[in-house]
């Protein structure tokens, strides 16, 4: 068999760039509301979140600083 034949691969792997590691700390209170913290591991920067819809904004905020090289 030639390279990639029978291995399930369809082509070379896509290069996705460098990874950014984030930690999500989530809790649900007695009323069912979510809150927590999103932390960027490399910098230690943390963003507090309240409600499910704010998690995506927190992640976007931390990723935008990753793109700036901080």
Protein backbone atom coordinates (compact mmCIF):
# COMPACT_ATOMS: atom_id res chain seq x y z
CA UNK A 1 0.00 0.00 0.00
CA UNK A 2 1.16 3.49 -0.77
CA UNK A 3 1.28 6.38 1.66
CA UNK A 4 -2.21 7.19 3.05
CA UNK A 5 -3.82 4.15 1.40
CA UNK A 6 -6.05 2.35 3.84
CA UNK A 7 -5.20 4.72 6.66
CA UNK A 8 -8.45 6.69 6.47
CA UNK A 9 -6.59 9.91 5.69
CA UNK A 10 -7.71 11.95 2.71
CA UNK A 11 -4.80 14.36 2.55
CA UNK A 12 -2.17 16.11 4.57
CA UNK A 13 -3.34 17.37 7.97
CA UNK A 14 -4.44 20.97 8.10
CA UNK A 15 -2.08 23.26 10.04
CA UNK A 16 -4.22 25.01 12.62
CA UNK A 17 -1.55 27.30 14.05
CA UNK A 18 -0.67 27.47 17.70
CA UNK A 19 -3.12 26.39 20.34
CA UNK A 20 -4.38 28.66 23.09
CA UNK A 21 -5.25 26.84 26.29
CA UNK A 22 -8.27 28.11 28.20
CA UNK A 23 -9.70 26.83 31.46
CA UNK A 24 -13.43 27.12 32.08
CA UNK A 25 -14.62 27.02 35.67
CA UNK A 26 -18.40 26.80 35.65
CA UNK A 27 -20.97 26.45 38.40
CA UNK A 28 -24.75 26.41 38.54
CA UNK A 29 -26.56 27.99 41.48
CA UNK A 30 -29.76 26.66 43.08
CA UNK A 31 -31.85 28.70 40.64
CA UNK A 32 -30.05 27.10 37.65
CA UNK A 33 -28.03 30.18 36.65
CA UNK A 34 -24.52 29.61 35.31
CA UNK A 35 -21.53 31.66 36.35
CA UNK A 36 -17.81 31.14 36.38
CA UNK A 37 -14.42 32.19 35.13
CA UNK A 38 -12.59 31.69 31.83
CA UNK A 39 -8.80 31.78 32.21
CA UNK A 40 -6.08 31.97 29.56
CA UNK A 41 -3.36 29.68 30.87
CA UNK A 42 -0.30 31.37 29.35
CA UNK A 43 -1.06 34.82 30.75
CA UNK A 44 -3.24 33.95 33.73
CA UNK A 45 -5.78 36.53 32.53
CA UNK A 46 -9.26 35.73 33.83
CA UNK A 47 -12.69 36.93 32.73
CA UNK A 48 -15.70 36.45 35.00
CA UNK A 49 -18.93 35.37 33.36
CA UNK A 50 -22.56 35.40 34.44
CA UNK A 51 -25.01 33.53 32.22
CA UNK A 52 -24.38 31.12 29.38
CA UNK A 53 -24.41 33.82 26.69
CA UNK A 54 -21.41 35.60 28.27
CA UNK A 55 -19.09 32.58 28.00
CA UNK A 56 -18.64 33.04 24.25
CA UNK A 57 -17.82 36.73 24.71
CA UNK A 58 -15.27 35.88 27.39
CA UNK A 59 -13.60 33.31 25.15
CA UNK A 60 -13.58 35.74 22.22
CA UNK A 61 -12.03 38.41 24.43
CA UNK A 62 -9.23 36.08 25.53
CA UNK A 63 -8.62 34.84 21.99
CA UNK A 64 -8.36 38.39 20.65
CA UNK A 65 -5.52 39.07 23.11
CA UNK A 66 -3.89 35.81 21.95
CA UNK A 67 -3.91 37.10 18.37
CA UNK A 68 -2.21 40.30 19.56
CA UNK A 69 0.60 38.22 21.01
CA UNK A 70 0.07 39.06 24.66
